[in-house]
Amino acid sequence: MEALYHQTNRLLQETQQCFQDLSLKNPETEKEIQARIDQITSNCEKLDIMVHKEPISRRQNAKIRVDQLKYDNKHLQAALRSHQHEMYRRQQEEQEREELLSRRFTHTDHDTSIIIDYSVQHNTSLQNANRGVDDMLRSGSGILDSLRDQRNTIKGAQRKILDIASTLGLSNTTMRLIERRAREDKYILFGGMVVTLLVVILVIIYLT
């Protein structure tokens, strides 16, 4: 019994020293410690049997020493389990951190894609607005040209009427009526031009 006791006690002390290497995160060290703990447990079971074979005078002292080995061995097992639990927790945290970073990068790429799509749509809208403004300007220019032509036509007609009236010898009252109508037509012409310009300006402001 003495030989097995000293062998187990020495194995217990060596196992305690092995815990210093656990900080190196070497899986083989963890396996070696577990194997040593299992061996100590097996030896303690054998020592329990041997205790009952000791003389009565030595039996109590022998049991105390074996119980101390078993107590120390339980502490080693608890320390190993605590280390394993800590390593598992760190691995879980690392895995969750990597998953979180992966989701962030995915969302960032998605947000960038949305920004690019919005920029493309915005540029397309600006191009369409510019084309619309150009069309409105061309249309407004055509309307102004048409109004100028109408003005020239009215002026020509006015001159012809005055010439005819002068030739026919119309009264001054009739001449004044003709001139007043000509002025009214001129006001209508200019009013139409102003309204057209305002419409074009409002459309340009709205589209831009």
N, C-alpha and C. Protein backbone atom coordinates (compact mmCIF):
# COMPACT_ATOMS: atom_id res chain seq x y z
N MET A 1 0.82 -1.22 0.00
CA MET A 1 0.00 0.00 0.00
C MET A 1 0.85 1.26 0.00
N GLU A 2 1.96 1.22 0.76
CA GLU A 2 2.81 2.41 0.85
C GLU A 2 3.35 2.81 -0.52
N ALA A 3 3.75 1.81 -1.30
CA ALA A 3 4.31 2.11 -2.63
C ALA A 3 3.26 2.77 -3.52
N LEU A 4 2.04 2.21 -3.51
CA LEU A 4 0.97 2.79 -4.35
C LEU A 4 0.56 4.18 -3.85
N TYR A 5 0.60 4.34 -2.53
CA TYR A 5 0.24 5.66 -1.98
C TYR A 5 1.24 6.71 -2.44
N HIS A 6 2.54 6.44 -2.30
CA HIS A 6 3.57 7.41 -2.70
C HIS A 6 3.53 7.65 -4.21
N GLN A 7 3.26 6.59 -4.98
CA GLN A 7 3.15 6.75 -6.43
C GLN A 7 1.98 7.68 -6.78
N THR A 8 0.85 7.48 -6.11
CA THR A 8 -0.34 8.31 -6.38
C THR A 8 -0.12 9.75 -5.92
N ASN A 9 0.54 9.91 -4.78
CA ASN A 9 0.81 11.26 -4.26
C ASN A 9 1.74 12.02 -5.21
N ARG A 10 2.76 11.33 -5.73
CA ARG A 10 3.68 11.95 -6.68
C ARG A 10 2.95 12.31 -7.98
N LEU A 11 2.06 11.43 -8.43
CA LEU A 11 1.27 11.70 -9.64
C LEU A 11 0.36 12.91 -9.44
N LEU A 12 -0.15 13.04 -8.22
CA LEU A 12 -1.01 14.18 -7.90
C LEU A 12 -0.24 15.50 -7.99
N GLN A 13 0.97 15.51 -7.45
CA GLN A 13 1.79 16.72 -7.48
C GLN A 13 2.20 17.07 -8.92
N GLU A 14 2.54 16.06 -9.70
CA GLU A 14 2.91 16.30 -11.10
C GLU A 14 1.72 16.87 -11.89
N THR A 15 0.53 16.37 -11.57
CA THR A 15 -0.67 16.85 -12.26
C THR A 15 -0.92 18.32 -11.93
N GLN A 16 -0.68 18.69 -10.68
CA GLN A 16 -0.83 20.09 -10.29
C GLN A 16 0.12 20.99 -11.09
N GLN A 17 1.32 20.50 -11.35
CA GLN A 17 2.28 21.26 -12.14
C GLN A 17 1.82 21.40 -13.60
N CYS A 18 1.11 20.39 -14.08
CA CYS A 18 0.65 20.43 -15.49
C CYS A 18 -0.36 21.55 -15.74
N PHE A 19 -1.05 21.97 -14.69
CA PHE A 19 -2.05 23.04 -14.86
C PHE A 19 -1.42 24.35 -15.30
N GLN A 20 -0.13 24.52 -15.02
CA GLN A 20 0.54 25.75 -15.45
C GLN A 20 0.65 25.84 -16.97
N ASP A 21 0.63 24.68 -17.64
CA ASP A 21 0.74 24.67 -19.10
C ASP A 21 -0.60 24.84 -19.80
N LEU A 22 -1.69 24.87 -19.04
CA LEU A 22 -3.01 25.03 -19.68
C LEU A 22 -3.17 26.40 -20.33
N SER A 23 -2.43 27.39 -19.83
CA SER A 23 -2.54 28.73 -20.39
C SER A 23 -2.02 28.79 -21.83
N LEU A 24 -1.29 27.77 -22.26
CA LEU A 24 -0.76 27.73 -23.62
C LEU A 24 -1.81 27.27 -24.63
N LYS A 25 -2.99 26.92 -24.17
CA LYS A 25 -4.10 26.48 -25.02
C LYS A 25 -3.71 25.28 -25.88
N ASN A 26 -3.01 24.34 -25.24
CA ASN A 26 -2.59 23.13 -25.94
C ASN A 26 -3.58 22.01 -25.59
N PRO A 27 -4.34 21.51 -26.57
CA PRO A 27 -5.32 20.45 -26.28
C PRO A 27 -4.68 19.20 -25.70
N GLU A 28 -3.44 18.91 -26.09
CA GLU A 28 -2.78 17.71 -25.59
C GLU A 28 -2.53 17.80 -24.08
N THR A 29 -2.24 18.99 -23.59
CA THR A 29 -2.03 19.16 -22.15
C THR A 29 -3.30 18.86 -21.38
N GLU A 30 -4.43 19.30 -21.90
CA GLU A 30 -5.72 19.04 -21.25
C GLU A 30 -6.01 17.54 -21.21
N LYS A 31 -5.71 16.85 -22.31
CA LYS A 31 -5.93 15.41 -22.35
C LYS A 31 -5.01 14.69 -21.37
N GLU A 32 -3.78 15.16 -21.27
CA GLU A 32 -2.83 14.53 -20.36
C GLU A 32 -3.27 14.70 -18.90
N ILE A 33 -3.76 15.89 -18.56
CA ILE A 33 -4.24 16.12 -17.19
C ILE A 33 -5.42 15.22 -16.86
N GLN A 34 -6.35 15.09 -17.82
CA GLN A 34 -7.51 14.23 -17.58
C GLN A 34 -7.09 12.78 -17.40
N ALA A 35 -6.11 12.35 -18.18
CA ALA A 35 -5.62 10.97 -18.04
C ALA A 35 -4.98 10.76 -16.67
N ARG A 36 -4.22 11.74 -16.18
CA ARG A 36 -3.60 11.63 -14.86
C ARG A 36 -4.66 11.59 -13.75
N ILE A 37 -5.71 12.43 -13.91
CA ILE A 37 -6.78 12.44 -12.90
C ILE A 37 -7.49 11.09 -12.86
N ASP A 38 -7.71 10.53 -14.03
CA ASP A 38 -8.35 9.20 -14.09
C ASP A 38 -7.48 8.14 -13.42
N GLN A 39 -6.17 8.25 -13.62
CA GLN A 39 -5.25 7.29 -13.00
C GLN A 39 -5.24 7.45 -11.48
N ILE A 40 -5.27 8.70 -11.01
CA ILE A 40 -5.31 8.94 -9.56
C ILE A 40 -6.60 8.38 -8.97
N THR A 41 -7.72 8.57 -9.67
CA THR A 41 -9.00 8.03 -9.20
C THR A 41 -8.94 6.51 -9.08
N SER A 42 -8.36 5.88 -10.10
CA SER A 42 -8.23 4.42 -10.08
C SER A 42 -7.35 3.96 -8.92
N ASN A 43 -6.24 4.67 -8.71
CA ASN A 43 -5.35 4.31 -7.60
C ASN A 43 -6.03 4.48 -6.24
N CYS A 44 -6.85 5.53 -6.12
CA CYS A 44 -7.54 5.75 -4.84
C CYS A 44 -8.54 4.63 -4.56
N GLU A 45 -9.18 4.14 -5.59
CA GLU A 45 -10.11 3.02 -5.41
C GLU A 45 -9.36 1.78 -4.91
N LYS A 46 -8.18 1.55 -5.46
CA LYS A 46 -7.36 0.43 -5.00
C LYS A 46 -6.90 0.64 -3.56
N LEU A 47 -6.54 1.90 -3.24
CA LEU A 47 -6.08 2.19 -1.88
C LEU A 47 -7.21 2.01 -0.86
N ASP A 48 -8.45 2.33 -1.29
CA ASP A 48 -9.60 2.11 -0.38
C ASP A 48 -9.71 0.63 0.02
N ILE A 49 -9.45 -0.22 -0.94
CA ILE A 49 -9.51 -1.66 -0.65
C ILE A 49 -8.36 -2.08 0.27
N MET A 50 -7.17 -1.51 0.00
CA MET A 50 -6.00 -1.86 0.80
C MET A 50 -6.11 -1.38 2.24
N VAL A 51 -6.84 -0.25 2.42
CA VAL A 51 -6.97 0.29 3.78
C VAL A 51 -7.59 -0.73 4.72
N HIS A 52 -8.58 -1.44 4.23
CA HIS A 52 -9.27 -2.42 5.08
C HIS A 52 -8.39 -3.64 5.39
N LYS A 53 -7.30 -3.78 4.67
CA LYS A 53 -6.39 -4.90 4.92
C LYS A 53 -5.26 -4.50 5.87
N GLU A 54 -5.18 -3.22 6.21
CA GLU A 54 -4.14 -2.74 7.12
C GLU A 54 -4.49 -3.17 8.56
N PRO A 55 -3.48 -3.28 9.39
CA PRO A 55 -3.75 -3.57 10.82
C PRO A 55 -4.62 -2.47 11.42
N ILE A 56 -5.39 -2.83 12.39
CA ILE A 56 -6.33 -1.87 12.98
C ILE A 56 -5.61 -0.63 13.51
N SER A 57 -4.43 -0.81 14.04
CA SER A 57 -3.69 0.33 14.60
C SER A 57 -3.27 1.34 13.53
N ARG A 58 -3.11 0.89 12.31
CA ARG A 58 -2.68 1.77 11.23
C ARG A 58 -3.83 2.12 10.27
N ARG A 59 -4.96 1.46 10.44
CA ARG A 59 -6.05 1.62 9.47
C ARG A 59 -6.60 3.06 9.44
N GLN A 60 -6.79 3.66 10.60
CA GLN A 60 -7.37 5.01 10.66
C GLN A 60 -6.45 6.02 9.99
N ASN A 61 -5.17 5.93 10.29
CA ASN A 61 -4.21 6.85 9.68
C ASN A 61 -4.13 6.65 8.18
N ALA A 62 -4.16 5.40 7.74
CA ALA A 62 -4.11 5.11 6.30
C ALA A 62 -5.35 5.66 5.59
N LYS A 63 -6.51 5.54 6.22
CA LYS A 63 -7.74 6.05 5.61
C LYS A 63 -7.70 7.58 5.47
N ILE A 64 -7.15 8.24 6.48
CA ILE A 64 -7.05 9.71 6.41
C ILE A 64 -6.17 10.13 5.23
N ARG A 65 -5.05 9.44 5.05
CA ARG A 65 -4.15 9.80 3.94
C ARG A 65 -4.81 9.55 2.59
N VAL A 66 -5.55 8.44 2.45
CA VAL A 66 -6.24 8.15 1.18
C VAL A 66 -7.35 9.16 0.93
N ASP A 67 -8.08 9.53 1.99
CA ASP A 67 -9.14 10.53 1.83
C ASP A 67 -8.56 11.88 1.38
N GLN A 68 -7.36 12.20 1.87
CA GLN A 68 -6.72 13.44 1.45
C GLN A 68 -6.36 13.40 -0.03
N LEU A 69 -5.89 12.24 -0.49
CA LEU A 69 -5.60 12.09 -1.92
C LEU A 69 -6.88 12.26 -2.75
N LYS A 70 -7.95 11.64 -2.29
CA LYS A 70 -9.22 11.73 -3.02
C LYS A 70 -9.74 13.18 -3.02
N TYR A 71 -9.55 13.89 -1.90
CA TYR A 71 -9.99 15.29 -1.80
C TYR A 71 -9.20 16.17 -2.78
N ASP A 72 -7.87 16.00 -2.78
CA ASP A 72 -7.04 16.78 -3.70
C ASP A 72 -7.36 16.46 -5.16
N ASN A 73 -7.65 15.20 -5.43
CA ASN A 73 -7.97 14.79 -6.79
C ASN A 73 -9.29 15.42 -7.27
N LYS A 74 -10.26 15.53 -6.36
CA LYS A 74 -11.52 16.19 -6.72
C LYS A 74 -11.31 17.66 -7.06
N HIS A 75 -10.38 18.29 -6.34
CA HIS A 75 -10.07 19.69 -6.64
C HIS A 75 -9.42 19.82 -8.02
N LEU A 76 -8.57 18.86 -8.34
CA LEU A 76 -7.96 18.87 -9.68
C LEU A 76 -9.03 18.72 -10.76
N GLN A 77 -9.97 17.81 -10.54
CA GLN A 77 -11.04 17.59 -11.52
C GLN A 77 -11.91 18.85 -11.66
N ALA A 78 -12.20 19.50 -10.53
CA ALA A 78 -13.01 20.72 -10.57
C ALA A 78 -12.27 21.84 -11.30
N ALA A 79 -10.95 21.95 -11.07
CA ALA A 79 -10.16 22.98 -11.75
C ALA A 79 -10.13 22.74 -13.26
N LEU A 80 -10.02 21.46 -13.66
CA LEU A 80 -10.01 21.14 -15.09
C LEU A 80 -11.36 21.48 -15.73
N ARG A 81 -12.43 21.15 -15.05
CA ARG A 81 -13.76 21.46 -15.60
C ARG A 81 -13.98 22.97 -15.70
N SER A 82 -13.48 23.70 -14.71
CA SER A 82 -13.59 25.16 -14.75
C SER A 82 -12.83 25.73 -15.95
N HIS A 83 -11.64 25.16 -16.19
CA HIS A 83 -10.86 25.60 -17.35
C HIS A 83 -11.59 25.27 -18.65
N GLN A 84 -12.14 24.08 -18.74
CA GLN A 84 -12.87 23.68 -19.95
C GLN A 84 -14.08 24.58 -20.19
N HIS A 85 -14.78 24.91 -19.12
CA HIS A 85 -15.94 25.80 -19.24
C HIS A 85 -15.52 27.19 -19.71
N GLU A 86 -14.41 27.70 -19.19
CA GLU A 86 -13.91 29.01 -19.60
C GLU A 86 -13.50 29.01 -21.07
N MET A 87 -12.83 27.95 -21.50
CA MET A 87 -12.43 27.85 -22.90
C MET A 87 -13.64 27.79 -23.81
N TYR A 88 -14.66 27.05 -23.40
CA TYR A 88 -15.89 26.96 -24.20
C TYR A 88 -16.57 28.32 -24.30
N ARG A 89 -16.60 29.06 -23.18
CA ARG A 89 -17.21 30.39 -23.19
C ARG A 89 -16.46 31.34 -24.12
N ARG A 90 -15.14 31.28 -24.10
CA ARG A 90 -14.36 32.15 -24.98
C ARG A 90 -14.58 31.79 -26.45
N GLN A 91 -14.66 30.50 -26.73
CA GLN A 91 -14.92 30.09 -28.11
C GLN A 91 -16.28 30.58 -28.59
N GLN A 92 -17.29 30.50 -27.71
CA GLN A 92 -18.62 30.99 -28.07
C GLN A 92 -18.61 32.49 -28.32
N GLU A 93 -17.91 33.24 -27.47
CA GLU A 93 -17.82 34.69 -27.65
C GLU A 93 -17.11 35.03 -28.96
N GLU A 94 -16.04 34.30 -29.26
CA GLU A 94 -15.31 34.55 -30.51
C GLU A 94 -16.18 34.25 -31.71
N GLN A 95 -16.93 33.14 -31.64
CA GLN A 95 -17.82 32.79 -32.74
C GLN A 95 -18.92 33.83 -32.92
N GLU A 96 -19.51 34.29 -31.82
CA GLU A 96 -20.55 35.31 -31.90
C GLU A 96 -19.99 36.62 -32.45
N ARG A 97 -18.74 36.96 -32.07
CA ARG A 97 -18.11 38.18 -32.56
C ARG A 97 -17.89 38.10 -34.08
N GLU A 98 -17.43 36.95 -34.55
CA GLU A 98 -17.22 36.78 -35.99
C GLU A 98 -18.54 36.84 -36.75
N GLU A 99 -19.59 36.23 -36.19
CA GLU A 99 -20.90 36.28 -36.85
C GLU A 99 -21.43 37.71 -36.90
N LEU A 100 -21.21 38.47 -35.82
CA LEU A 100 -21.66 39.85 -35.78
C LEU A 100 -20.92 40.69 -36.81
N LEU A 101 -19.60 40.51 -36.91
CA LEU A 101 -18.83 41.24 -37.91
C LEU A 101 -19.27 40.87 -39.31
N SER A 102 -19.55 39.60 -39.53
CA SER A 102 -20.01 39.15 -40.85
C SER A 102 -21.33 39.81 -41.20
N ARG A 103 -22.25 39.88 -40.24
CA ARG A 103 -23.55 40.53 -40.50
C ARG A 103 -23.36 42.01 -40.77
N ARG A 104 -22.44 42.66 -40.05
CA ARG A 104 -22.20 44.09 -40.27
C ARG A 104 -21.68 44.35 -41.67
N PHE A 105 -20.71 43.50 -42.12
CA PHE A 105 -20.18 43.69 -43.47
C PHE A 105 -21.26 43.46 -44.51
N THR A 106 -22.13 42.47 -44.27
CA THR A 106 -23.22 42.20 -45.22
C THR A 106 -24.17 43.37 -45.30
N HIS A 107 -24.52 43.93 -44.13
CA HIS A 107 -25.43 45.07 -44.12
C HIS A 107 -24.78 46.29 -44.76
N THR A 108 -23.48 46.46 -44.52
CA THR A 108 -22.79 47.59 -45.12
C THR A 108 -22.80 47.49 -46.63
N ASP A 109 -22.53 46.28 -47.16
CA ASP A 109 -22.58 46.10 -48.61
C ASP A 109 -23.97 46.36 -49.15
N HIS A 110 -24.99 45.89 -48.39
CA HIS A 110 -26.37 46.10 -48.83
C HIS A 110 -26.70 47.59 -48.83
N ASP A 111 -26.28 48.31 -47.75
CA ASP A 111 -26.54 49.74 -47.68
C ASP A 111 -25.83 50.48 -48.80
N THR A 112 -24.58 50.08 -49.10
CA THR A 112 -23.85 50.71 -50.19
C THR A 112 -24.56 50.50 -51.51
N SER A 113 -25.08 49.27 -51.72
CA SER A 113 -25.83 48.99 -52.94
C SER A 113 -27.06 49.87 -53.04
N ILE A 114 -27.76 50.07 -51.90
CA ILE A 114 -28.94 50.93 -51.91
C ILE A 114 -28.56 52.36 -52.25
N ILE A 115 -27.44 52.85 -51.68
CA ILE A 115 -27.00 54.22 -51.95
C ILE A 115 -26.66 54.38 -53.43
N ILE A 116 -25.96 53.38 -54.00
CA ILE A 116 -25.60 53.45 -55.41
C ILE A 116 -26.85 53.44 -56.28
N ASP A 117 -27.81 52.55 -55.95
CA ASP A 117 -29.05 52.50 -56.71
C ASP A 117 -29.79 53.82 -56.63
N TYR A 118 -29.80 54.43 -55.44
CA TYR A 118 -30.49 55.70 -55.29
C TYR A 118 -29.79 56.79 -56.10
N SER A 119 -28.45 56.77 -56.11
CA SER A 119 -27.70 57.76 -56.89
C SER A 119 -28.00 57.62 -58.38
N VAL A 120 -28.05 56.35 -58.85
CA VAL A 120 -28.36 56.13 -60.26
C VAL A 120 -29.76 56.63 -60.59
N GLN A 121 -30.72 56.32 -59.71
CA GLN A 121 -32.08 56.79 -59.94
C GLN A 121 -32.15 58.31 -59.91
N HIS A 122 -31.39 58.92 -58.99
CA HIS A 122 -31.40 60.38 -58.90
C HIS A 122 -30.81 61.01 -60.16
N ASN A 123 -29.70 60.45 -60.65
CA ASN A 123 -29.10 60.97 -61.87
C ASN A 123 -30.03 60.80 -63.06
N THR A 124 -30.71 59.65 -63.11
CA THR A 124 -31.66 59.42 -64.20
C THR A 124 -32.80 60.43 -64.15
N SER A 125 -33.29 60.71 -62.93
CA SER A 125 -34.37 61.69 -62.79
C SER A 125 -33.91 63.08 -63.22
N LEU A 126 -32.66 63.44 -62.86
CA LEU A 126 -32.13 64.74 -63.27
C LEU A 126 -32.02 64.83 -64.79
N GLN A 127 -31.55 63.74 -65.41
CA GLN A 127 -31.45 63.75 -66.87
C GLN A 127 -32.82 63.89 -67.52
N ASN A 128 -33.81 63.16 -66.98
CA ASN A 128 -35.16 63.29 -67.52
C ASN A 128 -35.70 64.70 -67.32
N ALA A 129 -35.41 65.29 -66.14
CA ALA A 129 -35.86 66.66 -65.88
C ALA A 129 -35.20 67.64 -66.84
N ASN A 130 -33.89 67.44 -67.09
CA ASN A 130 -33.21 68.33 -68.03
C ASN A 130 -33.80 68.23 -69.43
N ARG A 131 -34.10 66.99 -69.84
CA ARG A 131 -34.72 66.84 -71.17
C ARG A 131 -36.09 67.50 -71.20
N GLY A 132 -36.84 67.37 -70.08
CA GLY A 132 -38.15 68.01 -70.02
C GLY A 132 -38.05 69.52 -70.09
N VAL A 133 -37.05 70.09 -69.39
CA VAL A 133 -36.85 71.54 -69.44
C VAL A 133 -36.48 71.99 -70.85
N ASP A 134 -35.59 71.23 -71.50
CA ASP A 134 -35.22 71.57 -72.88
C ASP A 134 -36.44 71.55 -73.79
N ASP A 135 -37.28 70.52 -73.61
CA ASP A 135 -38.50 70.45 -74.44
C ASP A 135 -39.41 71.64 -74.17
N MET A 136 -39.56 72.01 -72.89
CA MET A 136 -40.41 73.15 -72.55
C MET A 136 -39.84 74.45 -73.11
N LEU A 137 -38.51 74.59 -73.05
CA LEU A 137 -37.89 75.80 -73.61
C LEU A 137 -38.11 75.89 -75.12
N ARG A 138 -37.94 74.74 -75.79
CA ARG A 138 -38.18 74.75 -77.24
C ARG A 138 -39.64 75.07 -77.54
N SER A 139 -40.55 74.48 -76.74
CA SER A 139 -41.97 74.76 -76.95
C SER A 139 -42.29 76.22 -76.67
N GLY A 140 -41.72 76.77 -75.58
CA GLY A 140 -41.96 78.18 -75.26
C GLY A 140 -41.39 79.10 -76.32
N SER A 141 -40.21 78.74 -76.82
CA SER A 141 -39.61 79.55 -77.89
C SER A 141 -40.50 79.54 -79.13
N GLY A 142 -41.07 78.38 -79.43
CA GLY A 142 -41.98 78.30 -80.59
C GLY A 142 -43.22 79.13 -80.38
N ILE A 143 -43.74 79.12 -79.13
CA ILE A 143 -44.93 79.93 -78.84
C ILE A 143 -44.63 81.41 -78.98
N LEU A 144 -43.46 81.84 -78.46
CA LEU A 144 -43.08 83.25 -78.57
C LEU A 144 -42.90 83.66 -80.03
N ASP A 145 -42.29 82.79 -80.81
CA ASP A 145 -42.15 83.09 -82.25
C ASP A 145 -43.51 83.23 -82.91
N SER A 146 -44.43 82.33 -82.50
CA SER A 146 -45.78 82.41 -83.08
C SER A 146 -46.47 83.70 -82.69
N LEU A 147 -46.29 84.12 -81.42
CA LEU A 147 -46.90 85.38 -80.98
C LEU A 147 -46.29 86.58 -81.69
N ARG A 148 -44.97 86.55 -81.93
CA ARG A 148 -44.34 87.64 -82.66
C ARG A 148 -44.87 87.71 -84.09
N ASP A 149 -45.05 86.53 -84.69
CA ASP A 149 -45.62 86.51 -86.05
C ASP A 149 -47.03 87.08 -86.06
N GLN A 150 -47.81 86.71 -85.03
CA GLN A 150 -49.17 87.25 -84.95
C GLN A 150 -49.14 88.76 -84.77
N ARG A 151 -48.19 89.24 -83.96
CA ARG A 151 -48.09 90.69 -83.76
C ARG A 151 -47.77 91.39 -85.07
N ASN A 152 -46.81 90.85 -85.80
CA ASN A 152 -46.47 91.46 -87.09
C ASN A 152 -47.66 91.43 -88.05
N THR A 153 -48.39 90.32 -88.00
CA THR A 153 -49.57 90.22 -88.87
C THR A 153 -50.61 91.26 -88.50
N ILE A 154 -50.82 91.43 -87.16
CA ILE A 154 -51.80 92.43 -86.71
C ILE A 154 -51.36 93.83 -87.11
N LYS A 155 -50.05 94.11 -86.96
CA LYS A 155 -49.55 95.43 -87.36
C LYS A 155 -49.77 95.67 -88.85
N GLY A 156 -49.48 94.63 -89.63
CA GLY A 156 -49.69 94.78 -91.08
C GLY A 156 -51.15 95.01 -91.42
N ALA A 157 -52.01 94.25 -90.71
CA ALA A 157 -53.45 94.42 -90.96
C ALA A 157 -53.90 95.81 -90.53
N GLN A 158 -53.33 96.30 -89.40
CA GLN A 158 -53.70 97.64 -88.93
C GLN A 158 -53.32 98.70 -89.96
N ARG A 159 -52.10 98.57 -90.50
CA ARG A 159 -51.67 99.54 -91.50
C ARG A 159 -52.57 99.50 -92.73
N LYS A 160 -52.94 98.28 -93.14
CA LYS A 160 -53.82 98.17 -94.31
C LYS A 160 -55.18 98.80 -94.04
N ILE A 161 -55.71 98.56 -92.81
CA ILE A 161 -57.02 99.14 -92.47
C ILE A 161 -56.95 100.66 -92.47
N LEU A 162 -55.85 101.20 -91.90
CA LEU A 162 -55.70 102.65 -91.87
C LEU A 162 -55.59 103.22 -93.28
N ASP A 163 -54.85 102.51 -94.12
CA ASP A 163 -54.73 102.97 -95.52
C ASP A 163 -56.08 102.94 -96.22
N ILE A 164 -56.81 101.83 -95.99
CA ILE A 164 -58.14 101.73 -96.63
C ILE A 164 -59.07 102.81 -96.09
N ALA A 165 -59.01 103.00 -94.73
CA ALA A 165 -59.88 104.02 -94.14
C ALA A 165 -59.54 105.40 -94.66
N SER A 166 -58.26 105.68 -94.80
CA SER A 166 -57.85 106.98 -95.33
C SER A 166 -58.32 107.14 -96.76
N THR A 167 -58.24 106.05 -97.52
CA THR A 167 -58.67 106.12 -98.92
C THR A 167 -60.18 106.32 -99.01
N LEU A 168 -60.92 105.63 -98.11
CA LEU A 168 -62.38 105.73 -98.15
C LEU A 168 -62.89 106.97 -97.45
N GLY A 169 -62.01 107.67 -96.69
CA GLY A 169 -62.44 108.88 -96.01
C GLY A 169 -63.31 108.61 -94.82
N LEU A 170 -62.96 107.59 -93.98
CA LEU A 170 -63.74 107.27 -92.80
C LEU A 170 -63.62 108.39 -91.77
N SER A 171 -64.58 108.46 -90.89
CA SER A 171 -64.63 109.52 -89.88
C SER A 171 -63.55 109.31 -88.83
N ASN A 172 -63.30 110.38 -88.06
CA ASN A 172 -62.30 110.30 -86.99
C ASN A 172 -62.73 109.30 -85.91
N THR A 173 -64.05 109.22 -85.64
CA THR A 173 -64.54 108.29 -84.61
C THR A 173 -64.23 106.86 -85.00
N THR A 174 -64.48 106.54 -86.25
CA THR A 174 -64.20 105.19 -86.73
C THR A 174 -62.71 104.89 -86.65
N MET A 175 -61.89 105.88 -86.97
CA MET A 175 -60.45 105.69 -86.92
C MET A 175 -59.98 105.42 -85.48
N ARG A 176 -60.58 106.19 -84.52
CA ARG A 176 -60.20 105.98 -83.12
C ARG A 176 -60.61 104.59 -82.64
N LEU A 177 -61.77 104.11 -83.07
CA LEU A 177 -62.20 102.76 -82.70
C LEU A 177 -61.22 101.72 -83.22
N ILE A 178 -60.80 101.94 -84.45
CA ILE A 178 -59.85 100.99 -85.04
C ILE A 178 -58.52 101.01 -84.26
N GLU A 179 -58.06 102.24 -83.90
CA GLU A 179 -56.80 102.34 -83.17
C GLU A 179 -56.92 101.71 -81.77
N ARG A 180 -58.11 101.96 -81.11
CA ARG A 180 -58.30 101.36 -79.79
C ARG A 180 -58.29 99.83 -79.86
N ARG A 181 -58.94 99.30 -80.89
CA ARG A 181 -58.95 97.84 -81.06
C ARG A 181 -57.53 97.31 -81.29
N ALA A 182 -56.78 98.08 -82.02
CA ALA A 182 -55.39 97.67 -82.28
C ALA A 182 -54.59 97.64 -80.98
N ARG A 183 -54.83 98.67 -80.11
CA ARG A 183 -54.14 98.70 -78.82
C ARG A 183 -54.56 97.51 -77.95
N GLU A 184 -55.86 97.21 -77.95
CA GLU A 184 -56.33 96.07 -77.16
C GLU A 184 -55.71 94.77 -77.65
N ASP A 185 -55.64 94.64 -78.98
CA ASP A 185 -55.00 93.43 -79.51
C ASP A 185 -53.54 93.35 -79.09
N LYS A 186 -52.90 94.52 -79.04
CA LYS A 186 -51.49 94.53 -78.63
C LYS A 186 -51.35 94.11 -77.17
N TYR A 187 -52.27 94.61 -76.31
CA TYR A 187 -52.23 94.22 -74.90
C TYR A 187 -52.46 92.71 -74.73
N ILE A 188 -53.42 92.21 -75.50
CA ILE A 188 -53.69 90.77 -75.44
C ILE A 188 -52.45 89.98 -75.86
N LEU A 189 -51.78 90.47 -76.90
CA LEU A 189 -50.58 89.79 -77.39
C LEU A 189 -49.49 89.76 -76.33
N PHE A 190 -49.22 90.95 -75.75
CA PHE A 190 -48.18 91.01 -74.71
C PHE A 190 -48.58 90.21 -73.47
N GLY A 191 -49.87 90.26 -73.11
CA GLY A 191 -50.34 89.47 -71.97
C GLY A 191 -50.13 87.98 -72.19
N GLY A 192 -50.42 87.51 -73.40
CA GLY A 192 -50.19 86.11 -73.71
C GLY A 192 -48.73 85.73 -73.64
N MET A 193 -47.85 86.64 -74.09
CA MET A 193 -46.41 86.37 -74.02
C MET A 193 -45.95 86.27 -72.56
N VAL A 194 -46.44 87.19 -71.71
CA VAL A 194 -46.05 87.17 -70.30
C VAL A 194 -46.52 85.90 -69.61
N VAL A 195 -47.78 85.51 -69.86
CA VAL A 195 -48.31 84.29 -69.26
C VAL A 195 -47.50 83.07 -69.69
N THR A 196 -47.16 83.02 -70.99
CA THR A 196 -46.37 81.90 -71.49
C THR A 196 -45.00 81.82 -70.81
N LEU A 197 -44.35 82.98 -70.65
CA LEU A 197 -43.05 83.01 -69.98
C LEU A 197 -43.16 82.55 -68.53
N LEU A 198 -44.22 83.00 -67.82
CA LEU A 198 -44.41 82.57 -66.44
C LEU A 198 -44.60 81.07 -66.34
N VAL A 199 -45.39 80.50 -67.25
CA VAL A 199 -45.62 79.06 -67.24
C VAL A 199 -44.31 78.31 -67.45
N VAL A 200 -43.50 78.76 -68.41
CA VAL A 200 -42.21 78.11 -68.69
C VAL A 200 -41.30 78.19 -67.47
N ILE A 201 -41.24 79.38 -66.81
CA ILE A 201 -40.39 79.56 -65.63
C ILE A 201 -40.83 78.65 -64.49
N LEU A 202 -42.14 78.57 -64.25
CA LEU A 202 -42.66 77.71 -63.18
C LEU A 202 -42.35 76.24 -63.45
N VAL A 203 -42.48 75.82 -64.69
CA VAL A 203 -42.18 74.42 -65.04
C VAL A 203 -40.71 74.12 -64.81
N ILE A 204 -39.84 75.07 -65.18
CA ILE A 204 -38.39 74.88 -64.98
C ILE A 204 -38.07 74.77 -63.49
N ILE A 205 -38.67 75.65 -62.67
CA ILE A 205 -38.43 75.61 -61.22
C ILE A 205 -38.91 74.29 -60.63
N TYR A 206 -40.06 73.82 -61.07
CA TYR A 206 -40.63 72.57 -60.54
C TYR A 206 -39.77 71.37 -60.89
N LEU A 207 -39.31 71.32 -62.13
CA LEU A 207 -38.53 70.16 -62.58
C LEU A 207 -37.14 70.14 -61.99
N THR A 208 -36.59 71.29 -61.63
CA THR A 208 -35.24 71.33 -61.08
C THR A 208 -35.27 71.37 -59.56
